[in-house]
Amino acid sequence: MPLEGPSDYQQVLRRVLRQARELAGVSQEDMARAMSLRQSDISKIERGVRNLDVVELRLWAQAVGVTLEAFASVLDEEWAQLESLRHQLATPRH
């Protein structure tokens, strides 16, 4: 069963962005400096008020010490796990 819509994908993206930043020990202020943004922009991205483009996604990945490809791979795995769980929950049990 696919995800419900873009908002589900966005929610997972925001969680992965925040977790990657926190696991790397990077503050919102440090992330903002690395990306030439304001701290409030980072907060807005993590809360889903502001989207980021692919260039900013690459900068985010670099700031936490991973490649864009590695970040995208983790994100894709997270989406696949959620889709699998939804499929299992939607499958009738006998």
PDB file of N, CA and C in Angstrom:
ATOM      1  N   MET A   1       0.849  -1.174   0.000  1.00  0.00           N
ATOM      2  CA  MET A   1       0.000   0.000   0.000  1.00  0.00           C
ATOM      3  C   MET A   1       0.892   1.234   0.000  1.00  0.00           C
ATOM      4  N   PRO A   2       0.710   2.118  -0.950  1.00  0.00           N
ATOM      5  CA  PRO A   2       1.552   3.317  -1.003  1.00  0.00           C
ATOM      6  C   PRO A   2       1.211   4.273   0.136  1.00  0.00           C
ATOM      7  N   LEU A   3       2.099   5.216   0.345  1.00  0.00           N
ATOM      8  CA  LEU A   3       1.842   6.237   1.338  1.00  0.00           C
ATOM      9  C   LEU A   3       0.623   7.042   0.916  1.00  0.00           C
ATOM     10  N   GLU A   4      -0.009   7.687   1.867  1.00  0.00           N
ATOM     11  CA  GLU A   4      -1.250   8.418   1.633  1.00  0.00           C
ATOM     12  C   GLU A   4      -1.088   9.580   0.668  1.00  0.00           C
ATOM     13  N   GLY A   5       0.041  10.231   0.674  1.00  0.00           N
ATOM     14  CA  GLY A   5       0.231  11.374  -0.199  1.00  0.00           C
ATOM     15  C   GLY A   5       1.518  12.092   0.135  1.00  0.00           C
ATOM     16  N   PRO A   6       1.735  13.216  -0.517  1.00  0.00           N
ATOM     17  CA  PRO A   6       2.977  13.965  -0.305  1.00  0.00           C
ATOM     18  C   PRO A   6       3.244  14.309   1.152  1.00  0.00           C
ATOM     19  N   SER A   7       2.208  14.567   1.922  1.00  0.00           N
ATOM     20  CA  SER A   7       2.438  14.951   3.316  1.00  0.00           C
ATOM     21  C   SER A   7       3.082  13.829   4.117  1.00  0.00           C
ATOM     22  N   ASP A   8       2.759  12.566   3.820  1.00  0.00           N
ATOM     23  CA  ASP A   8       3.397  11.450   4.514  1.00  0.00           C
ATOM     24  C   ASP A   8       4.892  11.389   4.193  1.00  0.00           C
ATOM     25  N   TYR A   9       5.226  11.587   2.936  1.00  0.00           N
ATOM     26  CA  TYR A   9       6.631  11.596   2.539  1.00  0.00           C
ATOM     27  C   TYR A   9       7.356  12.763   3.199  1.00  0.00           C
ATOM     28  N   GLN A  10       6.705  13.908   3.239  1.00  0.00           N
ATOM     29  CA  GLN A  10       7.307  15.085   3.859  1.00  0.00           C
ATOM     30  C   GLN A  10       7.550  14.863   5.343  1.00  0.00           C
ATOM     31  N   GLN A  11       6.607  14.232   6.025  1.00  0.00           N
ATOM     32  CA  GLN A  11       6.756  13.979   7.454  1.00  0.00           C
ATOM     33  C   GLN A  11       7.972  13.089   7.720  1.00  0.00           C
ATOM     34  N   VAL A  12       8.134  12.053   6.922  1.00  0.00           N
ATOM     35  CA  VAL A  12       9.300  11.178   7.070  1.00  0.00           C
ATOM     36  C   VAL A  12      10.570  11.955   6.752  1.00  0.00           C
ATOM     37  N   LEU A  13      10.555  12.751   5.700  1.00  0.00           N
ATOM     38  CA  LEU A  13      11.717  13.559   5.339  1.00  0.00           C
ATOM     39  C   LEU A  13      12.118  14.468   6.491  1.00  0.00           C
ATOM     40  N   ARG A  14      11.149  15.162   7.078  1.00  0.00           N
ATOM     41  CA  ARG A  14      11.464  16.072   8.189  1.00  0.00           C
ATOM     42  C   ARG A  14      12.074  15.325   9.368  1.00  0.00           C
ATOM     43  N   ARG A  15      11.540  14.143   9.668  1.00  0.00           N
ATOM     44  CA  ARG A  15      12.081  13.358  10.782  1.00  0.00           C
ATOM     45  C   ARG A  15      13.518  12.935  10.497  1.00  0.00           C
ATOM     46  N   VAL A  16      13.788  12.486   9.278  1.00  0.00           N
ATOM     47  CA  VAL A  16      15.139  12.043   8.915  1.00  0.00           C
ATOM     48  C   VAL A  16      16.114  13.223   8.920  1.00  0.00           C
ATOM     49  N   LEU A  17      15.673  14.374   8.422  1.00  0.00           N
ATOM     50  CA  LEU A  17      16.527  15.564   8.447  1.00  0.00           C
ATOM     51  C   LEU A  17      16.923  15.920   9.879  1.00  0.00           C
ATOM     52  N   ARG A  18      15.931  15.991  10.764  1.00  0.00           N
ATOM     53  CA  ARG A  18      16.195  16.354  12.152  1.00  0.00           C
ATOM     54  C   ARG A  18      17.083  15.312  12.837  1.00  0.00           C
ATOM     55  N   GLN A  19      16.761  14.020  12.635  1.00  0.00           N
ATOM     56  CA  GLN A  19      17.553  12.967  13.265  1.00  0.00           C
ATOM     57  C   GLN A  19      18.996  12.991  12.780  1.00  0.00           C
ATOM     58  N   ALA A  20      19.189  13.199  11.493  1.00  0.00           N
ATOM     59  CA  ALA A  20      20.556  13.246  10.959  1.00  0.00           C
ATOM     60  C   ALA A  20      21.326  14.403  11.576  1.00  0.00           C
ATOM     61  N   ARG A  21      20.679  15.550  11.680  1.00  0.00           N
ATOM     62  CA  ARG A  21      21.337  16.718  12.278  1.00  0.00           C
ATOM     63  C   ARG A  21      21.677  16.456  13.744  1.00  0.00           C
ATOM     64  N   GLU A  22      20.725  15.913  14.476  1.00  0.00           N
ATOM     65  CA  GLU A  22      20.960  15.656  15.896  1.00  0.00           C
ATOM     66  C   GLU A  22      22.024  14.577  16.114  1.00  0.00           C
ATOM     67  N   LEU A  23      21.971  13.498  15.331  1.00  0.00           N
ATOM     68  CA  LEU A  23      22.971  12.428  15.458  1.00  0.00           C
ATOM     69  C   LEU A  23      24.376  12.926  15.150  1.00  0.00           C
ATOM     70  N   ALA A  24      24.473  13.883  14.238  1.00  0.00           N
ATOM     71  CA  ALA A  24      25.773  14.449  13.876  1.00  0.00           C
ATOM     72  C   ALA A  24      26.240  15.482  14.902  1.00  0.00           C
ATOM     73  N   GLY A  25      25.371  15.828  15.844  1.00  0.00           N
ATOM     74  CA  GLY A  25      25.735  16.821  16.846  1.00  0.00           C
ATOM     75  C   GLY A  25      25.787  18.233  16.294  1.00  0.00           C
ATOM     76  N   VAL A  26      24.990  18.487  15.274  1.00  0.00           N
ATOM     77  CA  VAL A  26      24.964  19.800  14.631  1.00  0.00           C
ATOM     78  C   VAL A  26      23.737  20.560  15.137  1.00  0.00           C
ATOM     79  N   SER A  27      23.950  21.737  15.691  1.00  0.00           N
ATOM     80  CA  SER A  27      22.831  22.556  16.164  1.00  0.00           C
ATOM     81  C   SER A  27      22.131  23.209  14.975  1.00  0.00           C
ATOM     82  N   GLN A  28      20.950  23.714  15.218  1.00  0.00           N
ATOM     83  CA  GLN A  28      20.261  24.444  14.157  1.00  0.00           C
ATOM     84  C   GLN A  28      21.071  25.664  13.739  1.00  0.00           C
ATOM     85  N   GLU A  29      21.720  26.301  14.682  1.00  0.00           N
ATOM     86  CA  GLU A  29      22.549  27.468  14.364  1.00  0.00           C
ATOM     87  C   GLU A  29      23.718  27.087  13.469  1.00  0.00           C
ATOM     88  N   ASP A  30      24.385  25.968  13.806  1.00  0.00           N
ATOM     89  CA  ASP A  30      25.503  25.496  12.982  1.00  0.00           C
ATOM     90  C   ASP A  30      25.024  25.103  11.589  1.00  0.00           C
ATOM     91  N   MET A  31      23.861  24.448  11.528  1.00  0.00           N
ATOM     92  CA  MET A  31      23.303  24.051  10.233  1.00  0.00           C
ATOM     93  C   MET A  31      23.011  25.293   9.399  1.00  0.00           C
ATOM     94  N   ALA A  32      22.449  26.297  10.023  1.00  0.00           N
ATOM     95  CA  ALA A  32      22.135  27.534   9.309  1.00  0.00           C
ATOM     96  C   ALA A  32      23.398  28.164   8.729  1.00  0.00           C
ATOM     97  N   ARG A  33      24.459  28.211   9.519  1.00  0.00           N
ATOM     98  CA  ARG A  33      25.725  28.770   9.024  1.00  0.00           C
ATOM     99  C   ARG A  33      26.259  27.951   7.855  1.00  0.00           C
ATOM    100  N   ALA A  34      26.200  26.636   7.967  1.00  0.00           N
ATOM    101  CA  ALA A  34      26.718  25.763   6.900  1.00  0.00           C
ATOM    102  C   ALA A  34      25.938  25.921   5.600  1.00  0.00           C
ATOM    103  N   MET A  35      24.662  26.284   5.733  1.00  0.00           N
ATOM    104  CA  MET A  35      23.807  26.389   4.554  1.00  0.00           C
ATOM    105  C   MET A  35      23.552  27.835   4.133  1.00  0.00           C
ATOM    106  N   SER A  36      24.165  28.774   4.812  1.00  0.00           N
ATOM    107  CA  SER A  36      23.942  30.205   4.552  1.00  0.00           C
ATOM    108  C   SER A  36      22.464  30.575   4.678  1.00  0.00           C
ATOM    109  N   LEU A  37      21.849  30.048   5.730  1.00  0.00           N
ATOM    110  CA  LEU A  37      20.460  30.354   6.043  1.00  0.00           C
ATOM    111  C   LEU A  37      20.400  30.913   7.458  1.00  0.00           C
ATOM    112  N   ARG A  38      19.202  31.249   7.883  1.00  0.00           N
ATOM    113  CA  ARG A  38      18.985  31.659   9.272  1.00  0.00           C
ATOM    114  C   ARG A  38      18.564  30.439  10.088  1.00  0.00           C
ATOM    115  N   GLN A  39      18.797  30.497  11.385  1.00  0.00           N
ATOM    116  CA  GLN A  39      18.365  29.405  12.271  1.00  0.00           C
ATOM    117  C   GLN A  39      16.861  29.196  12.139  1.00  0.00           C
ATOM    118  N   SER A  40      16.116  30.272  11.989  1.00  0.00           N
ATOM    119  CA  SER A  40      14.659  30.150  11.860  1.00  0.00           C
ATOM    120  C   SER A  40      14.271  29.380  10.595  1.00  0.00           C
ATOM    121  N   ASP A  41      15.087  29.481   9.538  1.00  0.00           N
ATOM    122  CA  ASP A  41      14.826  28.693   8.327  1.00  0.00           C
ATOM    123  C   ASP A  41      14.984  27.202   8.600  1.00  0.00           C
ATOM    124  N   ILE A  42      16.008  26.845   9.368  1.00  0.00           N
ATOM    125  CA  ILE A  42      16.224  25.435   9.713  1.00  0.00           C
ATOM    126  C   ILE A  42      15.047  24.922  10.529  1.00  0.00           C
ATOM    127  N   SER A  43      14.610  25.711  11.500  1.00  0.00           N
ATOM    128  CA  SER A  43      13.448  25.335  12.305  1.00  0.00           C
ATOM    129  C   SER A  43      12.213  25.159  11.430  1.00  0.00           C
ATOM    130  N   LYS A  44      12.006  26.065  10.496  1.00  0.00           N
ATOM    131  CA  LYS A  44      10.847  25.981   9.601  1.00  0.00           C
ATOM    132  C   LYS A  44      10.914  24.736   8.722  1.00  0.00           C
ATOM    133  N   ILE A  45      12.104  24.399   8.258  1.00  0.00           N
ATOM    134  CA  ILE A  45      12.270  23.185   7.444  1.00  0.00           C
ATOM    135  C   ILE A  45      11.905  21.962   8.277  1.00  0.00           C
ATOM    136  N   GLU A  46      12.433  21.886   9.496  1.00  0.00           N
ATOM    137  CA  GLU A  46      12.189  20.729  10.346  1.00  0.00           C
ATOM    138  C   GLU A  46      10.729  20.629  10.788  1.00  0.00           C
ATOM    139  N   ARG A  47      10.024  21.747  10.820  1.00  0.00           N
ATOM    140  CA  ARG A  47       8.611  21.737  11.204  1.00  0.00           C
ATOM    141  C   ARG A  47       7.673  21.608  10.007  1.00  0.00           C
ATOM    142  N   GLY A  48       8.201  21.679   8.805  1.00  0.00           N
ATOM    143  CA  GLY A  48       7.384  21.537   7.613  1.00  0.00           C
ATOM    144  C   GLY A  48       6.739  22.826   7.147  1.00  0.00           C
ATOM    145  N   VAL A  49       7.183  23.945   7.682  1.00  0.00           N
ATOM    146  CA  VAL A  49       6.661  25.239   7.273  1.00  0.00           C
ATOM    147  C   VAL A  49       7.333  25.700   5.985  1.00  0.00           C
ATOM    148  N   ARG A  50       8.573  25.268   5.805  1.00  0.00           N
ATOM    149  CA  ARG A  50       9.362  25.651   4.632  1.00  0.00           C
ATOM    150  C   ARG A  50       9.946  24.390   4.017  1.00  0.00           C
ATOM    151  N   ASN A  51       9.865  24.289   2.709  1.00  0.00           N
ATOM    152  CA  ASN A  51      10.485  23.168   2.004  1.00  0.00           C
ATOM    153  C   ASN A  51      11.923  23.517   1.664  1.00  0.00           C
ATOM    154  N   LEU A  52      12.708  22.493   1.354  1.00  0.00           N
ATOM    155  CA  LEU A  52      14.047  22.751   0.880  1.00  0.00           C
ATOM    156  C   LEU A  52      14.201  22.129  -0.503  1.00  0.00           C
ATOM    157  N   ASP A  53      15.056  22.742  -1.308  1.00  0.00           N
ATOM    158  CA  ASP A  53      15.266  22.220  -2.657  1.00  0.00           C
ATOM    159  C   ASP A  53      16.423  21.222  -2.629  1.00  0.00           C
ATOM    160  N   VAL A  54      16.709  20.645  -3.773  1.00  0.00           N
ATOM    161  CA  VAL A  54      17.713  19.586  -3.830  1.00  0.00           C
ATOM    162  C   VAL A  54      19.115  20.122  -3.515  1.00  0.00           C
ATOM    163  N   VAL A  55      19.389  21.365  -3.859  1.00  0.00           N
ATOM    164  CA  VAL A  55      20.688  21.956  -3.525  1.00  0.00           C
ATOM    165  C   VAL A  55      20.813  22.081  -2.011  1.00  0.00           C
ATOM    166  N   GLU A  56      19.746  22.539  -1.363  1.00  0.00           N
ATOM    167  CA  GLU A  56      19.768  22.654   0.094  1.00  0.00           C
ATOM    168  C   GLU A  56      19.838  21.281   0.753  1.00  0.00           C
ATOM    169  N   LEU A  57      19.185  20.292   0.164  1.00  0.00           N
ATOM    170  CA  LEU A  57      19.265  18.933   0.697  1.00  0.00           C
ATOM    171  C   LEU A  57      20.707  18.424   0.649  1.00  0.00           C
ATOM    172  N   ARG A  58      21.410  18.738  -0.429  1.00  0.00           N
ATOM    173  CA  ARG A  58      22.819  18.340  -0.546  1.00  0.00           C
ATOM    174  C   ARG A  58      23.661  19.051   0.513  1.00  0.00           C
ATOM    175  N   LEU A  59      23.401  20.329   0.736  1.00  0.00           N
ATOM    176  CA  LEU A  59      24.126  21.075   1.770  1.00  0.00           C
ATOM    177  C   LEU A  59      23.842  20.511   3.156  1.00  0.00           C
ATOM    178  N   TRP A  60      22.597  20.116   3.399  1.00  0.00           N
ATOM    179  CA  TRP A  60      22.221  19.518   4.679  1.00  0.00           C
ATOM    180  C   TRP A  60      23.015  18.228   4.890  1.00  0.00           C
ATOM    181  N   ALA A  61      23.032  17.385   3.861  1.00  0.00           N
ATOM    182  CA  ALA A  61      23.760  16.123   3.953  1.00  0.00           C
ATOM    183  C   ALA A  61      25.242  16.377   4.224  1.00  0.00           C
ATOM    184  N   GLN A  62      25.824  17.313   3.510  1.00  0.00           N
ATOM    185  CA  GLN A  62      27.242  17.635   3.728  1.00  0.00           C
ATOM    186  C   GLN A  62      27.488  18.129   5.149  1.00  0.00           C
ATOM    187  N   ALA A  63      26.579  18.944   5.668  1.00  0.00           N
ATOM    188  CA  ALA A  63      26.749  19.504   7.007  1.00  0.00           C
ATOM    189  C   ALA A  63      26.715  18.434   8.086  1.00  0.00           C
ATOM    190  N   VAL A  64      26.022  17.321   7.816  1.00  0.00           N
ATOM    191  CA  VAL A  64      25.991  16.234   8.800  1.00  0.00           C
ATOM    192  C   VAL A  64      27.016  15.149   8.475  1.00  0.00           C
ATOM    193  N   GLY A  65      27.781  15.353   7.413  1.00  0.00           N
ATOM    194  CA  GLY A  65      28.895  14.459   7.110  1.00  0.00           C
ATOM    195  C   GLY A  65      28.575  13.243   6.273  1.00  0.00           C
ATOM    196  N   VAL A  66      27.512  13.323   5.459  1.00  0.00           N
ATOM    197  CA  VAL A  66      27.188  12.212   4.561  1.00  0.00           C
ATOM    198  C   VAL A  66      27.000  12.748   3.149  1.00  0.00           C
ATOM    199  N   THR A  67      27.061  11.855   2.199  1.00  0.00           N
ATOM    200  CA  THR A  67      26.797  12.254   0.817  1.00  0.00           C
ATOM    201  C   THR A  67      25.295  12.350   0.587  1.00  0.00           C
ATOM    202  N   LEU A  68      24.919  13.062  -0.441  1.00  0.00           N
ATOM    203  CA  LEU A  68      23.513  13.138  -0.813  1.00  0.00           C
ATOM    204  C   LEU A  68      22.981  11.743  -1.134  1.00  0.00           C
ATOM    205  N   GLU A  69      23.795  10.936  -1.779  1.00  0.00           N
ATOM    206  CA  GLU A  69      23.387   9.575  -2.124  1.00  0.00           C
ATOM    207  C   GLU A  69      23.113   8.746  -0.879  1.00  0.00           C
ATOM    208  N   ALA A  70      23.973   8.862   0.124  1.00  0.00           N
ATOM    209  CA  ALA A  70      23.778   8.116   1.370  1.00  0.00           C
ATOM    210  C   ALA A  70      22.515   8.587   2.079  1.00  0.00           C
ATOM    211  N   PHE A  71      22.311   9.895   2.114  1.00  0.00           N
ATOM    212  CA  PHE A  71      21.119  10.438   2.749  1.00  0.00           C
ATOM    213  C   PHE A  71      19.869   9.952   2.019  1.00  0.00           C
ATOM    214  N   ALA A  72      19.885  10.013   0.693  1.00  0.00           N
ATOM    215  CA  ALA A  72      18.729   9.576  -0.096  1.00  0.00           C
ATOM    216  C   ALA A  72      18.449   8.092   0.110  1.00  0.00           C
ATOM    217  N   SER A  73      19.497   7.300   0.267  1.00  0.00           N
ATOM    218  CA  SER A  73      19.328   5.871   0.499  1.00  0.00           C
ATOM    219  C   SER A  73      18.619   5.614   1.830  1.00  0.00           C
ATOM    220  N   VAL A  74      19.038   6.317   2.867  1.00  0.00           N
ATOM    221  CA  VAL A  74      18.384   6.179   4.173  1.00  0.00           C
ATOM    222  C   VAL A  74      16.932   6.617   4.078  1.00  0.00           C
ATOM    223  N   LEU A  75      16.699   7.726   3.419  1.00  0.00           N
ATOM    224  CA  LEU A  75      15.342   8.241   3.263  1.00  0.00           C
ATOM    225  C   LEU A  75      14.467   7.242   2.508  1.00  0.00           C
ATOM    226  N   ASP A  76      14.994   6.666   1.453  1.00  0.00           N
ATOM    227  CA  ASP A  76      14.241   5.687   0.672  1.00  0.00           C
ATOM    228  C   ASP A  76      13.910   4.456   1.516  1.00  0.00           C
ATOM    229  N   GLU A  77      14.847   4.014   2.345  1.00  0.00           N
ATOM    230  CA  GLU A  77      14.594   2.878   3.234  1.00  0.00           C
ATOM    231  C   GLU A  77      13.490   3.195   4.234  1.00  0.00           C
ATOM    232  N   GLU A  78      13.503   4.397   4.777  1.00  0.00           N
ATOM    233  CA  GLU A  78      12.466   4.812   5.729  1.00  0.00           C
ATOM    234  C   GLU A  78      11.092   4.810   5.058  1.00  0.00           C
ATOM    235  N   TRP A  79      11.014   5.349   3.843  1.00  0.00           N
ATOM    236  CA  TRP A  79       9.746   5.354   3.123  1.00  0.00           C
ATOM    237  C   TRP A  79       9.277   3.929   2.842  1.00  0.00           C
ATOM    238  N   ALA A  80      10.195   3.054   2.439  1.00  0.00           N
ATOM    239  CA  ALA A  80       9.841   1.670   2.139  1.00  0.00           C
ATOM    240  C   ALA A  80       9.339   0.948   3.390  1.00  0.00           C
ATOM    241  N   GLN A  81       9.960   1.200   4.535  1.00  0.00           N
ATOM    242  CA  GLN A  81       9.510   0.566   5.778  1.00  0.00           C
ATOM    243  C   GLN A  81       8.102   1.016   6.145  1.00  0.00           C
ATOM    244  N   LEU A  82       7.827   2.280   5.992  1.00  0.00           N
ATOM    245  CA  LEU A  82       6.497   2.793   6.290  1.00  0.00           C
ATOM    246  C   LEU A  82       5.463   2.197   5.338  1.00  0.00           C
ATOM    247  N   GLU A  83       5.803   2.122   4.065  1.00  0.00           N
ATOM    248  CA  GLU A  83       4.887   1.531   3.092  1.00  0.00           C
ATOM    249  C   GLU A  83       4.634   0.062   3.410  1.00  0.00           C
ATOM    250  N   SER A  84       5.667  -0.669   3.808  1.00  0.00           N
ATOM    251  CA  SER A  84       5.527  -2.079   4.159  1.00  0.00           C
ATOM    252  C   SER A  84       4.617  -2.247   5.377  1.00  0.00           C
ATOM    253  N   LEU A  85       4.825  -1.415   6.375  1.00  0.00           N
ATOM    254  CA  LEU A  85       3.995  -1.478   7.573  1.00  0.00           C
ATOM    255  C   LEU A  85       2.531  -1.189   7.232  1.00  0.00           C
ATOM    256  N   ARG A  86       2.301  -0.174   6.427  1.00  0.00           N
ATOM    257  CA  ARG A  86       0.925   0.148   6.035  1.00  0.00           C
ATOM    258  C   ARG A  86       0.290  -1.005   5.256  1.00  0.00           C
ATOM    259  N   HIS A  87       1.084  -1.632   4.404  1.00  0.00           N
ATOM    260  CA  HIS A  87       0.572  -2.764   3.634  1.00  0.00           C
ATOM    261  C   HIS A  87       0.179  -3.900   4.578  1.00  0.00           C
ATOM    262  N   GLN A  88       1.031  -4.196   5.549  1.00  0.00           N
ATOM    263  CA  GLN A  88       0.746  -5.271   6.506  1.00  0.00           C
ATOM    264  C   GLN A  88      -0.503  -4.962   7.323  1.00  0.00           C
ATOM    265  N   LEU A  89      -0.653  -3.720   7.721  1.00  0.00           N
ATOM    266  CA  LEU A  89      -1.821  -3.347   8.515  1.00  0.00           C
ATOM    267  C   LEU A  89      -3.109  -3.359   7.701  1.00  0.00           C
ATOM    268  N   ALA A  90      -2.982  -3.142   6.397  1.00  0.00           N
ATOM    269  CA  ALA A  90      -4.163  -3.136   5.536  1.00  0.00           C
ATOM    270  C   ALA A  90      -4.564  -4.531   5.066  1.00  0.00           C
ATOM    271  N   THR A  91      -3.675  -5.503   5.214  1.00  0.00           N
ATOM    272  CA  THR A  91      -3.963  -6.870   4.772  1.00  0.00           C
ATOM    273  C   THR A  91      -4.900  -7.538   5.763  1.00  0.00           C
ATOM    274  N   PRO A  92      -6.045  -8.012   5.275  1.00  0.00           N
ATOM    275  CA  PRO A  92      -6.992  -8.684   6.186  1.00  0.00           C
ATOM    276  C   PRO A  92      -6.371  -9.929   6.813  1.00  0.00           C
ATOM    277  N   ARG A  93      -6.660 -10.108   8.073  1.00  0.00           N
ATOM    278  CA  ARG A  93      -6.170 -11.292   8.790  1.00  0.00           C
ATOM    279  C   ARG A  93      -7.310 -12.302   8.885  1.00  0.00           C
ATOM    280  N   HIS A  94      -6.949 -13.562   8.717  1.00  0.00           N
ATOM    281  CA  HIS A  94      -7.973 -14.626   8.779  1.00  0.00           C
ATOM    282  C   HIS A  94      -7.876 -15.374  10.067  1.00  0.00           C
TER     283      HIS A  94
END
